[in-house]
Structures are given as structure tokens and as C-alpha cells.
Amino acid sequence: MSAGRTDSSVWVAIDADSIVGFVAVKLHWEERMGEIYMVAVDPDLQGQGIGSALTAFALDWMKEAGMSIAMVETGGDPGHARAGHTYEKVGFRLWPVARYFKTL
């Protein structure tokens, strides 16, 4: 099974010479899928649209790179509720999946 070509990029949001957040993206060329694999915003600045702006920037970049679909994952627990809200706000829709794990 071939893993295919994947490229990764990271962008940083800066305000008044301080880092306030970042977004990390992978491009999966064979699937033409962009993956936002991490978005982080300074906890003191959450709820101000920084995460949405970073996500929108990443989506635009993926589209310009030729990706036809975007994917992002987050936890379903209350601690990740803000992240889920951010993703839904920019148009992502939840796709229910089951992921099973086993300790070896």
C-alpha cells in the first residue's frame, strides 16, 4: 500500500508582534484532499474569530493548491466544543465515524 505524496505547511497568526494562533495543513495529493491537522489559538484570545480566520485561510490555500475536499478532526468531548463550532461555522459538516482501539 502506497502512502502517496503528502506536503505539510504551517501558518502563524500575529497581532502586535505576538503569536496569537496557528494552523497546520497537510495536502494529500493522490486523494486531492486537504487536511487541517491542527488549529490553535491563545486561550485568552479564543472566541474572537482568530480560529475561523485561520481555518478560512487554510481552506482557500487548499483550494488554490487544487484540492477538491477538506477534512478536519477534533474530539467530541466538551473540551473540543469550541473547535467543532469553529469548523461548522466555516461550512464543515460532522461525519459520524467509529474508531476502535485495542491495547496490545
N, C-alpha and C. Protein backbone atom coordinates (compact mmCIF):
# COMPACT_ATOMS: atom_id res chain seq x y z
N MET A 1 0.84 -1.17 0.00
CA MET A 1 0.00 0.00 0.00
C MET A 1 0.88 1.24 0.00
N SER A 2 0.68 2.12 -0.95
CA SER A 2 1.46 3.33 -1.08
C SER A 2 0.84 4.47 -0.28
N ALA A 3 1.67 5.19 0.45
CA ALA A 3 1.17 6.31 1.24
C ALA A 3 0.91 7.53 0.38
N GLY A 4 1.51 7.61 -0.80
CA GLY A 4 1.31 8.77 -1.67
C GLY A 4 2.09 9.98 -1.18
N ARG A 5 2.04 11.02 -1.96
CA ARG A 5 2.76 12.25 -1.65
C ARG A 5 1.92 13.12 -0.73
N THR A 6 2.53 13.60 0.34
CA THR A 6 1.87 14.49 1.29
C THR A 6 2.80 15.66 1.57
N ASP A 7 2.27 16.87 1.50
CA ASP A 7 3.03 18.06 1.84
C ASP A 7 2.38 18.72 3.05
N SER A 8 3.18 19.31 3.93
CA SER A 8 2.66 19.98 5.11
C SER A 8 3.13 21.43 5.14
N SER A 9 2.27 22.30 5.65
CA SER A 9 2.60 23.71 5.81
C SER A 9 1.97 24.22 7.10
N VAL A 10 2.59 25.24 7.69
CA VAL A 10 2.08 25.86 8.92
C VAL A 10 2.10 27.37 8.73
N TRP A 11 1.01 28.03 9.15
CA TRP A 11 0.93 29.50 9.14
C TRP A 11 0.66 29.98 10.55
N VAL A 12 1.23 31.13 10.88
CA VAL A 12 1.12 31.70 12.22
C VAL A 12 0.37 33.02 12.14
N ALA A 13 -0.57 33.22 13.06
CA ALA A 13 -1.30 34.49 13.18
C ALA A 13 -0.57 35.35 14.21
N ILE A 14 -0.26 36.59 13.81
CA ILE A 14 0.48 37.50 14.68
C ILE A 14 -0.33 38.78 14.86
N ASP A 15 -0.38 39.26 16.10
CA ASP A 15 -1.03 40.53 16.42
C ASP A 15 -0.12 41.28 17.37
N ALA A 16 0.23 42.50 16.99
CA ALA A 16 1.11 43.34 17.82
C ALA A 16 2.39 42.59 18.22
N ASP A 17 3.01 41.96 17.24
CA ASP A 17 4.28 41.24 17.42
C ASP A 17 4.18 40.04 18.36
N SER A 18 2.97 39.55 18.61
CA SER A 18 2.79 38.35 19.43
C SER A 18 2.09 37.27 18.61
N ILE A 19 2.52 36.05 18.78
CA ILE A 19 1.83 34.93 18.12
C ILE A 19 0.52 34.69 18.87
N VAL A 20 -0.58 34.70 18.12
CA VAL A 20 -1.90 34.51 18.73
C VAL A 20 -2.54 33.18 18.31
N GLY A 21 -1.96 32.51 17.31
CA GLY A 21 -2.50 31.23 16.87
C GLY A 21 -1.74 30.70 15.68
N PHE A 22 -2.10 29.48 15.28
CA PHE A 22 -1.50 28.90 14.08
C PHE A 22 -2.42 27.84 13.50
N VAL A 23 -2.19 27.51 12.23
CA VAL A 23 -2.91 26.44 11.56
C VAL A 23 -1.88 25.60 10.80
N ALA A 24 -2.05 24.28 10.89
CA ALA A 24 -1.17 23.34 10.19
C ALA A 24 -2.01 22.52 9.22
N VAL A 25 -1.51 22.39 7.99
CA VAL A 25 -2.26 21.75 6.91
C VAL A 25 -1.40 20.70 6.21
N LYS A 26 -2.04 19.59 5.85
CA LYS A 26 -1.40 18.58 5.01
C LYS A 26 -2.19 18.49 3.71
N LEU A 27 -1.48 18.36 2.61
CA LEU A 27 -2.11 18.11 1.32
C LEU A 27 -1.84 16.66 0.94
N HIS A 28 -2.92 15.90 0.73
CA HIS A 28 -2.82 14.51 0.30
C HIS A 28 -3.12 14.50 -1.20
N TRP A 29 -2.07 14.50 -2.00
CA TRP A 29 -2.19 14.72 -3.44
C TRP A 29 -2.99 13.63 -4.15
N GLU A 30 -2.76 12.38 -3.82
CA GLU A 30 -3.46 11.30 -4.53
C GLU A 30 -4.97 11.37 -4.31
N GLU A 31 -5.39 11.76 -3.12
CA GLU A 31 -6.82 11.86 -2.82
C GLU A 31 -7.38 13.25 -3.15
N ARG A 32 -6.49 14.19 -3.51
CA ARG A 32 -6.87 15.60 -3.71
C ARG A 32 -7.63 16.13 -2.49
N MET A 33 -7.09 15.78 -1.30
CA MET A 33 -7.72 16.16 -0.05
C MET A 33 -6.76 16.97 0.80
N GLY A 34 -7.25 18.10 1.29
CA GLY A 34 -6.50 18.90 2.25
C GLY A 34 -6.97 18.55 3.65
N GLU A 35 -6.03 18.48 4.56
CA GLU A 35 -6.35 18.14 5.96
C GLU A 35 -5.82 19.22 6.89
N ILE A 36 -6.72 19.83 7.63
CA ILE A 36 -6.29 20.72 8.71
C ILE A 36 -6.03 19.81 9.90
N TYR A 37 -4.74 19.65 10.25
CA TYR A 37 -4.47 18.70 11.32
C TYR A 37 -4.19 19.38 12.64
N MET A 38 -4.15 20.71 12.66
CA MET A 38 -4.05 21.40 13.94
C MET A 38 -4.38 22.88 13.75
N VAL A 39 -5.25 23.38 14.62
CA VAL A 39 -5.52 24.81 14.73
C VAL A 39 -5.42 25.12 16.21
N ALA A 40 -4.68 26.15 16.55
CA ALA A 40 -4.55 26.54 17.95
C ALA A 40 -4.63 28.06 18.06
N VAL A 41 -5.31 28.52 19.09
CA VAL A 41 -5.45 29.95 19.37
C VAL A 41 -5.14 30.15 20.86
N ASP A 42 -4.42 31.21 21.16
CA ASP A 42 -4.13 31.56 22.55
C ASP A 42 -5.43 31.51 23.35
N PRO A 43 -5.48 30.76 24.45
CA PRO A 43 -6.72 30.64 25.21
C PRO A 43 -7.33 31.98 25.64
N ASP A 44 -6.50 32.98 25.91
CA ASP A 44 -7.01 34.30 26.30
C ASP A 44 -7.67 35.04 25.15
N LEU A 45 -7.45 34.58 23.92
CA LEU A 45 -7.98 35.27 22.74
C LEU A 45 -9.02 34.45 21.98
N GLN A 46 -9.40 33.31 22.52
CA GLN A 46 -10.40 32.48 21.85
C GLN A 46 -11.75 33.18 21.85
N GLY A 47 -12.54 32.87 20.82
CA GLY A 47 -13.86 33.47 20.69
C GLY A 47 -13.86 34.81 19.97
N GLN A 48 -12.71 35.20 19.41
CA GLN A 48 -12.60 36.48 18.71
C GLN A 48 -12.48 36.32 17.20
N GLY A 49 -12.64 35.10 16.69
CA GLY A 49 -12.60 34.88 15.25
C GLY A 49 -11.25 34.50 14.69
N ILE A 50 -10.24 34.36 15.53
CA ILE A 50 -8.91 34.02 15.04
C ILE A 50 -8.89 32.61 14.45
N GLY A 51 -9.49 31.65 15.16
CA GLY A 51 -9.55 30.28 14.66
C GLY A 51 -10.31 30.19 13.35
N SER A 52 -11.42 30.93 13.25
CA SER A 52 -12.20 30.94 11.99
C SER A 52 -11.38 31.53 10.86
N ALA A 53 -10.66 32.61 11.13
CA ALA A 53 -9.83 33.24 10.10
C ALA A 53 -8.72 32.31 9.65
N LEU A 54 -8.07 31.63 10.59
CA LEU A 54 -7.02 30.68 10.23
C LEU A 54 -7.58 29.52 9.41
N THR A 55 -8.75 29.02 9.81
CA THR A 55 -9.38 27.92 9.08
C THR A 55 -9.77 28.35 7.68
N ALA A 56 -10.36 29.53 7.54
CA ALA A 56 -10.75 30.04 6.22
C ALA A 56 -9.51 30.22 5.34
N PHE A 57 -8.43 30.74 5.91
CA PHE A 57 -7.19 30.89 5.16
C PHE A 57 -6.71 29.54 4.64
N ALA A 58 -6.71 28.54 5.52
CA ALA A 58 -6.25 27.20 5.14
C ALA A 58 -7.12 26.62 4.03
N LEU A 59 -8.44 26.81 4.12
CA LEU A 59 -9.34 26.30 3.09
C LEU A 59 -9.08 26.96 1.74
N ASP A 60 -8.88 28.27 1.74
CA ASP A 60 -8.56 28.98 0.50
C ASP A 60 -7.26 28.45 -0.10
N TRP A 61 -6.26 28.24 0.74
CA TRP A 61 -4.96 27.76 0.27
C TRP A 61 -5.10 26.36 -0.33
N MET A 62 -5.88 25.49 0.34
CA MET A 62 -6.11 24.14 -0.19
C MET A 62 -6.77 24.19 -1.56
N LYS A 63 -7.78 25.02 -1.69
CA LYS A 63 -8.50 25.13 -2.97
C LYS A 63 -7.56 25.61 -4.07
N GLU A 64 -6.75 26.64 -3.77
CA GLU A 64 -5.80 27.15 -4.75
C GLU A 64 -4.76 26.09 -5.12
N ALA A 65 -4.46 25.18 -4.21
CA ALA A 65 -3.49 24.11 -4.47
C ALA A 65 -4.10 22.98 -5.30
N GLY A 66 -5.43 23.02 -5.52
CA GLY A 66 -6.06 22.01 -6.36
C GLY A 66 -6.77 20.90 -5.60
N MET A 67 -6.92 21.06 -4.28
CA MET A 67 -7.63 20.04 -3.51
C MET A 67 -9.13 20.16 -3.78
N SER A 68 -9.83 19.02 -3.76
CA SER A 68 -11.27 19.05 -4.03
C SER A 68 -12.10 18.82 -2.77
N ILE A 69 -11.45 18.43 -1.67
CA ILE A 69 -12.17 18.20 -0.42
C ILE A 69 -11.25 18.57 0.74
N ALA A 70 -11.85 18.99 1.84
CA ALA A 70 -11.09 19.34 3.04
C ALA A 70 -11.61 18.50 4.20
N MET A 71 -10.70 18.16 5.10
CA MET A 71 -11.04 17.35 6.26
C MET A 71 -10.37 17.93 7.49
N VAL A 72 -11.07 17.85 8.62
CA VAL A 72 -10.51 18.23 9.91
C VAL A 72 -11.09 17.29 10.95
N GLU A 73 -10.31 16.96 11.94
CA GLU A 73 -10.78 16.10 13.02
C GLU A 73 -10.66 16.84 14.34
N THR A 74 -11.56 16.55 15.27
CA THR A 74 -11.46 17.07 16.62
C THR A 74 -12.14 16.11 17.56
N GLY A 75 -11.91 16.27 18.82
CA GLY A 75 -12.55 15.42 19.81
C GLY A 75 -14.03 15.77 19.96
N GLY A 76 -14.82 14.81 20.39
CA GLY A 76 -16.25 15.04 20.59
C GLY A 76 -16.61 15.40 22.01
N ASP A 77 -15.61 15.61 22.85
CA ASP A 77 -15.84 15.93 24.25
C ASP A 77 -16.08 17.43 24.43
N PRO A 78 -16.59 17.85 25.59
CA PRO A 78 -16.87 19.27 25.83
C PRO A 78 -15.64 20.18 25.66
N GLY A 79 -14.45 19.66 25.92
CA GLY A 79 -13.24 20.46 25.77
C GLY A 79 -12.94 20.85 24.33
N HIS A 80 -13.54 20.15 23.38
CA HIS A 80 -13.34 20.45 21.95
C HIS A 80 -14.57 21.10 21.32
N ALA A 81 -15.54 21.48 22.11
CA ALA A 81 -16.78 22.05 21.57
C ALA A 81 -16.52 23.33 20.77
N ARG A 82 -15.64 24.19 21.25
CA ARG A 82 -15.33 25.42 20.51
C ARG A 82 -14.73 25.11 19.15
N ALA A 83 -13.86 24.13 19.09
CA ALA A 83 -13.26 23.75 17.81
C ALA A 83 -14.34 23.27 16.85
N GLY A 84 -15.22 22.41 17.32
CA GLY A 84 -16.31 21.92 16.48
C GLY A 84 -17.18 23.05 15.97
N HIS A 85 -17.46 24.01 16.85
CA HIS A 85 -18.26 25.18 16.44
C HIS A 85 -17.55 25.98 15.35
N THR A 86 -16.25 26.17 15.52
CA THR A 86 -15.47 26.90 14.51
C THR A 86 -15.54 26.20 13.16
N TYR A 87 -15.37 24.90 13.14
CA TYR A 87 -15.38 24.17 11.88
C TYR A 87 -16.76 24.21 11.22
N GLU A 88 -17.81 24.07 12.02
CA GLU A 88 -19.17 24.13 11.47
C GLU A 88 -19.48 25.54 10.95
N LYS A 89 -18.94 26.56 11.60
CA LYS A 89 -19.18 27.94 11.19
C LYS A 89 -18.64 28.22 9.80
N VAL A 90 -17.55 27.55 9.43
CA VAL A 90 -16.97 27.79 8.09
C VAL A 90 -17.42 26.74 7.07
N GLY A 91 -18.39 25.90 7.45
CA GLY A 91 -19.00 25.01 6.46
C GLY A 91 -18.72 23.53 6.58
N PHE A 92 -17.87 23.11 7.51
CA PHE A 92 -17.64 21.68 7.70
C PHE A 92 -18.90 21.05 8.28
N ARG A 93 -19.14 19.80 7.94
CA ARG A 93 -20.25 19.04 8.49
C ARG A 93 -19.71 17.78 9.14
N LEU A 94 -20.27 17.44 10.29
CA LEU A 94 -19.83 16.27 11.04
C LEU A 94 -20.16 14.99 10.28
N TRP A 95 -19.18 14.12 10.16
CA TRP A 95 -19.34 12.83 9.53
C TRP A 95 -19.10 11.79 10.62
N PRO A 96 -20.16 11.19 11.11
CA PRO A 96 -20.00 10.24 12.22
C PRO A 96 -19.18 9.02 11.80
N VAL A 97 -18.17 8.74 12.58
CA VAL A 97 -17.33 7.57 12.34
C VAL A 97 -17.11 6.86 13.67
N ALA A 98 -16.75 5.62 13.59
CA ALA A 98 -16.37 4.86 14.78
C ALA A 98 -14.90 4.51 14.63
N ARG A 99 -14.13 4.76 15.65
CA ARG A 99 -12.71 4.43 15.65
C ARG A 99 -12.47 3.54 16.85
N TYR A 100 -11.98 2.34 16.61
CA TYR A 100 -11.78 1.36 17.67
C TYR A 100 -10.29 1.24 17.98
N PHE A 101 -9.97 1.04 19.26
CA PHE A 101 -8.60 0.87 19.69
C PHE A 101 -8.51 -0.35 20.59
N LYS A 102 -7.33 -0.96 20.60
CA LYS A 102 -7.08 -2.11 21.46
C LYS A 102 -5.66 -2.02 22.00
N THR A 103 -5.53 -2.15 23.28
CA THR A 103 -4.20 -2.19 23.88
C THR A 103 -3.55 -3.52 23.57
N LEU A 104 -2.30 -3.49 23.16
CA LEU A 104 -1.58 -4.73 22.82
C LEU A 104 -0.61 -5.10 23.91
